[in-house]
């Protein structure tokens, strides 16, 4: 006899709405402060600005490193007649190396945090402009 496993969502993906129950385009669903990674590690927000975020990755009491990235907002969209509000999204695998970095130490993560924040303040127009090397 086969038993189906219940679906488990990695974090709360509910739609945010205003008090009237209608989704509002000015409400941007932000990144969570803490949520699980698919492989059992937990991401915890360490530092954040309007444009940049720094998360630590750990499993239990063991720290595995840090992830720093530029925050991207997915615009309002309509899928099968249902409207979804603007949402801050976590970077995909392809973003790492250009607009996101994985670091072993907090010092290196803070260095990249400052670099990404400086680039965001310059209002770079396209992701291709982020192809730069660190100043060592």
N, C-alpha and C. Protein backbone atom coordinates (compact mmCIF):
# COMPACT_ATOMS: atom_id res chain seq x y z
N UNK A 1 0.84 -1.19 0.00
CA UNK A 1 0.00 0.00 0.00
C UNK A 1 0.88 1.25 0.00
N UNK A 2 0.60 2.18 -0.89
CA UNK A 2 1.39 3.39 -1.04
C UNK A 2 0.77 4.53 -0.23
N UNK A 3 1.62 5.25 0.52
CA UNK A 3 1.15 6.39 1.31
C UNK A 3 1.82 7.64 0.75
N UNK A 4 1.02 8.61 0.34
CA UNK A 4 1.56 9.87 -0.19
C UNK A 4 2.04 10.75 0.95
N UNK A 5 3.18 11.39 0.72
CA UNK A 5 3.72 12.32 1.71
C UNK A 5 2.98 13.65 1.59
N UNK A 6 2.74 14.31 2.70
CA UNK A 6 2.08 15.62 2.62
C UNK A 6 3.04 16.64 2.00
N UNK A 7 2.48 17.59 1.27
CA UNK A 7 3.30 18.64 0.67
C UNK A 7 3.82 19.56 1.77
N UNK A 8 5.09 19.84 1.76
CA UNK A 8 5.69 20.72 2.75
C UNK A 8 6.25 21.94 2.03
N UNK A 9 5.79 23.10 2.39
CA UNK A 9 6.30 24.33 1.80
C UNK A 9 7.50 24.79 2.62
N UNK A 10 8.58 25.26 1.96
CA UNK A 10 9.75 25.68 2.70
C UNK A 10 9.53 26.93 3.55
N UNK A 11 8.60 27.76 3.17
CA UNK A 11 8.26 28.93 3.96
C UNK A 11 6.88 29.42 3.55
N UNK A 12 6.37 30.37 4.28
CA UNK A 12 5.03 30.88 4.05
C UNK A 12 4.96 31.61 2.72
N UNK A 13 4.13 31.14 1.82
CA UNK A 13 3.99 31.76 0.51
C UNK A 13 2.58 32.34 0.34
N UNK A 14 1.98 32.80 1.40
CA UNK A 14 0.63 33.34 1.28
C UNK A 14 0.67 34.72 0.64
N UNK A 15 -0.40 35.06 -0.02
CA UNK A 15 -0.51 36.33 -0.71
C UNK A 15 -0.87 37.42 0.30
N UNK A 16 -0.16 38.53 0.26
CA UNK A 16 -0.47 39.63 1.17
C UNK A 16 -1.52 40.53 0.54
N UNK A 17 -2.47 40.92 1.35
CA UNK A 17 -3.54 41.79 0.88
C UNK A 17 -3.76 42.90 1.88
N UNK A 18 -4.45 43.93 1.45
CA UNK A 18 -4.78 45.00 2.39
C UNK A 18 -6.01 44.59 3.20
N UNK A 19 -6.51 45.49 4.06
CA UNK A 19 -7.61 45.15 4.97
C UNK A 19 -8.91 44.80 4.24
N UNK A 20 -9.07 45.31 3.00
CA UNK A 20 -10.30 45.02 2.27
C UNK A 20 -10.28 43.63 1.63
N UNK A 21 -9.11 42.98 1.66
CA UNK A 21 -9.00 41.65 1.07
C UNK A 21 -8.56 41.67 -0.38
N UNK A 22 -8.35 42.87 -0.93
CA UNK A 22 -7.92 43.01 -2.32
C UNK A 22 -6.41 43.25 -2.33
N UNK A 23 -5.73 42.55 -3.21
CA UNK A 23 -4.28 42.74 -3.27
C UNK A 23 -3.98 44.16 -3.73
N UNK A 24 -2.96 44.73 -3.14
CA UNK A 24 -2.62 46.10 -3.42
C UNK A 24 -1.23 46.17 -4.04
N UNK A 25 -1.05 46.87 -5.16
CA UNK A 25 0.25 46.89 -5.83
C UNK A 25 1.34 47.57 -5.02
N UNK A 26 0.99 48.44 -4.07
CA UNK A 26 2.03 49.11 -3.29
C UNK A 26 2.58 48.22 -2.15
N UNK A 27 1.94 47.11 -1.88
CA UNK A 27 2.43 46.19 -0.86
C UNK A 27 3.41 45.24 -1.53
N UNK A 28 4.66 45.28 -1.10
CA UNK A 28 5.67 44.40 -1.66
C UNK A 28 5.95 43.30 -0.64
N UNK A 29 5.78 42.07 -1.07
CA UNK A 29 6.06 40.93 -0.18
C UNK A 29 7.57 40.82 -0.05
N UNK A 30 8.07 40.98 1.18
CA UNK A 30 9.51 41.00 1.38
C UNK A 30 10.06 39.62 1.72
N UNK A 31 11.37 39.51 1.64
CA UNK A 31 12.07 38.27 1.98
C UNK A 31 11.87 37.96 3.46
N UNK A 32 11.80 36.68 3.80
CA UNK A 32 11.65 36.28 5.19
C UNK A 32 12.95 36.49 5.96
N UNK A 33 12.84 36.64 7.28
CA UNK A 33 14.02 36.80 8.13
C UNK A 33 14.72 35.47 8.34
N UNK A 34 13.97 34.40 8.30
CA UNK A 34 14.54 33.07 8.49
C UNK A 34 13.69 32.05 7.73
N UNK A 35 14.36 31.20 6.96
CA UNK A 35 13.62 30.14 6.29
C UNK A 35 14.57 29.01 5.88
N UNK A 36 14.04 27.81 5.74
CA UNK A 36 14.89 26.66 5.43
C UNK A 36 15.30 26.60 3.96
N UNK A 37 16.50 26.14 3.74
CA UNK A 37 17.03 25.85 2.41
C UNK A 37 16.59 24.44 2.07
N UNK A 38 16.58 24.06 0.82
CA UNK A 38 16.11 22.74 0.42
C UNK A 38 16.91 21.58 0.96
N UNK A 39 18.19 21.81 1.31
CA UNK A 39 19.04 20.71 1.77
C UNK A 39 19.11 20.60 3.30
N UNK A 40 18.22 21.27 4.01
CA UNK A 40 18.18 21.16 5.47
C UNK A 40 18.88 22.29 6.20
N UNK A 41 19.59 23.14 5.48
CA UNK A 41 20.22 24.30 6.13
C UNK A 41 19.18 25.39 6.34
N UNK A 42 19.46 26.28 7.27
CA UNK A 42 18.55 27.39 7.57
C UNK A 42 19.24 28.69 7.18
N UNK A 43 18.51 29.55 6.47
CA UNK A 43 19.00 30.89 6.15
C UNK A 43 18.45 31.85 7.19
N UNK A 44 19.35 32.67 7.77
CA UNK A 44 18.94 33.68 8.75
C UNK A 44 19.47 35.04 8.30
N UNK A 45 18.60 36.03 8.32
CA UNK A 45 18.99 37.38 7.91
C UNK A 45 19.96 37.96 8.93
N UNK A 46 21.11 38.44 8.45
CA UNK A 46 22.12 39.06 9.30
C UNK A 46 22.06 40.56 9.16
N UNK A 47 21.95 41.03 7.90
CA UNK A 47 22.02 42.46 7.62
C UNK A 47 21.24 42.72 6.34
N UNK A 48 20.58 43.88 6.28
CA UNK A 48 19.79 44.18 5.10
C UNK A 48 19.65 45.68 4.91
N UNK A 49 19.66 46.11 3.66
CA UNK A 49 19.31 47.47 3.29
C UNK A 49 18.18 47.37 2.26
N UNK A 50 17.83 48.48 1.66
CA UNK A 50 16.77 48.46 0.65
C UNK A 50 17.17 47.60 -0.55
N UNK A 51 18.46 47.59 -0.91
CA UNK A 51 18.92 46.93 -2.13
C UNK A 51 19.69 45.64 -1.93
N UNK A 52 20.22 45.40 -0.74
CA UNK A 52 21.15 44.30 -0.51
C UNK A 52 20.78 43.53 0.75
N UNK A 53 21.02 42.22 0.73
CA UNK A 53 20.74 41.37 1.90
C UNK A 53 21.92 40.44 2.16
N UNK A 54 22.14 40.14 3.44
CA UNK A 54 23.19 39.23 3.88
C UNK A 54 22.54 38.18 4.78
N UNK A 55 22.64 36.91 4.39
CA UNK A 55 22.08 35.80 5.15
C UNK A 55 23.19 34.86 5.60
N UNK A 56 23.03 34.26 6.79
CA UNK A 56 23.94 33.20 7.22
C UNK A 56 23.25 31.87 6.91
N UNK A 57 24.06 30.84 6.64
CA UNK A 57 23.54 29.50 6.39
C UNK A 57 24.07 28.58 7.47
N UNK A 58 23.18 27.86 8.14
CA UNK A 58 23.62 26.94 9.18
C UNK A 58 22.71 25.72 9.23
N UNK A 59 23.26 24.66 9.77
CA UNK A 59 22.50 23.44 10.02
C UNK A 59 22.75 23.11 11.48
N UNK A 60 21.70 23.20 12.29
CA UNK A 60 21.86 23.04 13.74
C UNK A 60 22.72 24.17 14.28
N UNK A 61 23.79 23.84 15.00
CA UNK A 61 24.69 24.85 15.54
C UNK A 61 25.91 25.09 14.64
N UNK A 62 25.97 24.41 13.50
CA UNK A 62 27.13 24.51 12.61
C UNK A 62 26.87 25.57 11.53
N UNK A 63 27.75 26.57 11.48
CA UNK A 63 27.65 27.63 10.48
C UNK A 63 28.33 27.16 9.20
N UNK A 64 27.61 27.24 8.07
CA UNK A 64 28.14 26.78 6.78
C UNK A 64 28.63 27.92 5.90
N UNK A 65 28.32 29.15 6.23
CA UNK A 65 28.77 30.29 5.43
C UNK A 65 27.72 31.37 5.35
N UNK A 66 27.92 32.26 4.37
CA UNK A 66 27.04 33.42 4.21
C UNK A 66 26.69 33.59 2.74
N UNK A 67 25.55 34.20 2.48
CA UNK A 67 25.14 34.53 1.13
C UNK A 67 24.74 36.00 1.10
N UNK A 68 25.29 36.72 0.12
CA UNK A 68 25.04 38.14 -0.06
C UNK A 68 24.47 38.32 -1.45
N UNK A 69 23.45 39.18 -1.59
CA UNK A 69 22.87 39.37 -2.92
C UNK A 69 22.13 40.69 -3.04
N UNK A 70 21.98 41.13 -4.28
CA UNK A 70 21.14 42.28 -4.58
C UNK A 70 19.69 41.81 -4.56
N UNK A 71 18.84 42.57 -3.94
CA UNK A 71 17.42 42.21 -3.85
C UNK A 71 16.73 42.62 -5.15
N UNK A 72 16.04 41.67 -5.75
CA UNK A 72 15.29 41.90 -6.99
C UNK A 72 13.81 41.82 -6.65
N UNK A 73 13.02 42.75 -7.19
CA UNK A 73 11.57 42.74 -6.96
C UNK A 73 10.89 42.28 -8.24
N UNK A 74 10.17 41.17 -8.13
CA UNK A 74 9.38 40.68 -9.25
C UNK A 74 8.11 41.53 -9.31
N UNK A 75 7.79 42.13 -10.45
CA UNK A 75 6.64 43.04 -10.52
C UNK A 75 5.30 42.33 -10.37
N UNK A 76 4.25 43.13 -10.23
CA UNK A 76 2.89 42.59 -10.15
C UNK A 76 2.62 41.78 -11.42
N UNK A 77 2.00 40.62 -11.25
CA UNK A 77 1.72 39.77 -12.40
C UNK A 77 0.38 39.08 -12.24
N UNK A 78 -0.20 38.71 -13.37
CA UNK A 78 -1.48 38.01 -13.38
C UNK A 78 -1.26 36.64 -13.98
N UNK A 79 -1.59 35.59 -13.22
CA UNK A 79 -1.43 34.21 -13.66
C UNK A 79 -2.78 33.52 -13.54
N UNK A 80 -3.31 33.04 -14.66
CA UNK A 80 -4.61 32.36 -14.71
C UNK A 80 -5.70 33.19 -14.02
N UNK A 81 -5.69 34.49 -14.27
CA UNK A 81 -6.72 35.37 -13.75
C UNK A 81 -6.52 35.82 -12.31
N UNK A 82 -5.49 35.32 -11.65
CA UNK A 82 -5.22 35.70 -10.27
C UNK A 82 -4.05 36.68 -10.24
N UNK A 83 -4.23 37.79 -9.54
CA UNK A 83 -3.19 38.81 -9.50
C UNK A 83 -2.28 38.59 -8.29
N UNK A 84 -0.97 38.65 -8.54
CA UNK A 84 0.03 38.49 -7.49
C UNK A 84 0.77 39.81 -7.29
N UNK A 85 0.96 40.21 -6.04
CA UNK A 85 1.61 41.50 -5.76
C UNK A 85 3.10 41.45 -6.05
N UNK A 86 3.76 42.61 -6.10
CA UNK A 86 5.20 42.62 -6.27
C UNK A 86 5.86 41.85 -5.12
N UNK A 87 6.93 41.11 -5.44
CA UNK A 87 7.56 40.24 -4.46
C UNK A 87 9.07 40.32 -4.55
N UNK A 88 9.74 40.46 -3.41
CA UNK A 88 11.20 40.36 -3.40
C UNK A 88 11.55 38.89 -3.53
N UNK A 89 12.48 38.57 -4.42
CA UNK A 89 12.83 37.18 -4.65
C UNK A 89 14.28 36.90 -4.28
N UNK A 90 14.50 35.66 -3.84
CA UNK A 90 15.84 35.20 -3.53
C UNK A 90 16.52 34.85 -4.86
N UNK A 91 17.83 35.06 -5.01
CA UNK A 91 18.47 34.80 -6.30
C UNK A 91 18.47 33.31 -6.67
N UNK A 92 18.40 33.05 -7.97
CA UNK A 92 18.48 31.66 -8.44
C UNK A 92 19.96 31.29 -8.59
N UNK A 93 20.23 30.03 -8.90
CA UNK A 93 21.61 29.56 -9.01
C UNK A 93 22.41 30.35 -10.04
N UNK A 94 21.80 30.74 -11.14
CA UNK A 94 22.50 31.47 -12.19
C UNK A 94 22.93 32.87 -11.75
N UNK A 95 22.28 33.44 -10.72
CA UNK A 95 22.63 34.77 -10.23
C UNK A 95 23.92 34.78 -9.42
N UNK A 96 24.28 33.63 -8.85
CA UNK A 96 25.49 33.59 -8.02
C UNK A 96 26.71 33.76 -8.90
N UNK A 97 27.54 34.73 -8.52
CA UNK A 97 28.72 35.08 -9.30
C UNK A 97 28.58 36.46 -9.93
N UNK A 98 27.34 36.89 -10.20
CA UNK A 98 27.12 38.21 -10.79
C UNK A 98 26.44 39.16 -9.79
N UNK A 99 25.24 38.80 -9.34
CA UNK A 99 24.51 39.66 -8.40
C UNK A 99 24.33 39.01 -7.04
N UNK A 100 25.01 37.88 -6.82
CA UNK A 100 24.96 37.19 -5.54
C UNK A 100 26.29 36.47 -5.31
N UNK A 101 26.68 36.38 -4.05
CA UNK A 101 27.94 35.72 -3.70
C UNK A 101 27.72 34.82 -2.49
N UNK A 102 28.46 33.72 -2.46
CA UNK A 102 28.48 32.82 -1.32
C UNK A 102 29.86 32.95 -0.69
N UNK A 103 29.92 33.21 0.61
CA UNK A 103 31.19 33.49 1.29
C UNK A 103 31.36 32.60 2.51
N UNK A 104 32.60 32.27 2.83
CA UNK A 104 32.89 31.42 3.98
C UNK A 104 32.98 32.22 5.28
N UNK A 105 33.41 33.49 5.19
CA UNK A 105 33.60 34.29 6.41
C UNK A 105 32.68 35.51 6.41
N UNK A 106 32.39 35.99 7.59
CA UNK A 106 31.56 37.18 7.73
C UNK A 106 32.27 38.41 7.16
N UNK A 107 33.58 38.50 7.34
CA UNK A 107 34.33 39.64 6.83
C UNK A 107 34.22 39.75 5.31
N UNK A 108 34.37 38.61 4.63
CA UNK A 108 34.26 38.59 3.17
C UNK A 108 32.83 38.89 2.74
N UNK A 109 31.85 38.38 3.46
CA UNK A 109 30.45 38.64 3.15
C UNK A 109 30.13 40.13 3.31
N UNK A 110 30.66 40.76 4.35
CA UNK A 110 30.43 42.19 4.55
C UNK A 110 31.12 43.02 3.46
N UNK A 111 32.28 42.55 3.01
CA UNK A 111 32.96 43.22 1.89
C UNK A 111 32.04 43.23 0.67
N UNK A 112 31.48 42.07 0.31
CA UNK A 112 30.60 41.98 -0.84
C UNK A 112 29.30 42.74 -0.62
N UNK A 113 28.83 42.76 0.63
CA UNK A 113 27.63 43.54 0.96
C UNK A 113 27.87 45.01 0.61
N UNK A 114 29.02 45.54 1.03
CA UNK A 114 29.35 46.94 0.74
C UNK A 114 29.52 47.17 -0.76
N UNK A 115 30.14 46.22 -1.47
CA UNK A 115 30.32 46.33 -2.92
C UNK A 115 28.97 46.35 -3.64
N UNK A 116 28.09 45.43 -3.29
CA UNK A 116 26.77 45.38 -3.92
C UNK A 116 25.97 46.64 -3.61
N UNK A 117 26.08 47.12 -2.38
CA UNK A 117 25.35 48.33 -2.00
C UNK A 117 25.86 49.53 -2.80
N UNK A 118 27.16 49.63 -2.99
CA UNK A 118 27.74 50.72 -3.79
C UNK A 118 27.26 50.64 -5.23
N UNK A 119 27.22 49.43 -5.79
CA UNK A 119 26.74 49.26 -7.17
C UNK A 119 25.26 49.62 -7.29
N UNK A 120 24.48 49.25 -6.29
CA UNK A 120 23.04 49.56 -6.32
C UNK A 120 22.82 51.06 -6.25
N UNK A 121 23.65 51.77 -5.49
CA UNK A 121 23.52 53.22 -5.39
C UNK A 121 23.86 53.91 -6.71
N UNK A 122 24.69 53.26 -7.53
CA UNK A 122 25.04 53.83 -8.84
C UNK A 122 23.93 53.62 -9.85
N UNK A 123 22.93 52.84 -9.48
CA UNK A 123 21.77 52.54 -10.33
C UNK A 123 22.20 51.96 -11.68
N UNK A 124 22.89 50.83 -11.59
CA UNK A 124 23.34 50.14 -12.79
C UNK A 124 22.11 49.66 -13.55
N UNK A 125 22.10 49.84 -14.86
CA UNK A 125 20.90 49.59 -15.64
C UNK A 125 20.65 48.13 -15.98
N UNK A 126 21.70 47.31 -16.18
CA UNK A 126 21.45 45.94 -16.60
C UNK A 126 22.34 44.97 -15.82
N UNK A 127 21.91 43.71 -15.67
CA UNK A 127 22.70 42.73 -14.93
C UNK A 127 24.08 42.49 -15.54
N UNK A 128 24.25 42.72 -16.86
CA UNK A 128 25.56 42.52 -17.49
C UNK A 128 26.59 43.50 -16.93
N UNK A 129 26.16 44.64 -16.43
CA UNK A 129 27.07 45.63 -15.87
C UNK A 129 27.65 45.19 -14.53
N UNK A 130 27.14 44.10 -13.96
CA UNK A 130 27.63 43.63 -12.68
C UNK A 130 28.82 42.68 -12.82
N UNK A 131 29.31 42.46 -14.03
CA UNK A 131 30.40 41.53 -14.26
C UNK A 131 31.73 42.22 -13.95
N UNK A 132 32.09 42.26 -12.68
CA UNK A 132 33.31 42.94 -12.23
C UNK A 132 34.04 42.08 -11.23
N UNK A 133 35.31 42.36 -11.05
CA UNK A 133 36.15 41.58 -10.14
C UNK A 133 36.31 42.32 -8.82
N UNK A 134 36.54 41.59 -7.71
CA UNK A 134 36.74 42.24 -6.42
C UNK A 134 38.07 42.98 -6.37
N UNK A 135 38.13 44.03 -5.53
CA UNK A 135 39.36 44.77 -5.33
C UNK A 135 40.13 44.15 -4.19
N UNK A 136 41.11 43.34 -4.49
CA UNK A 136 41.92 42.69 -3.43
C UNK A 136 43.24 43.35 -3.27
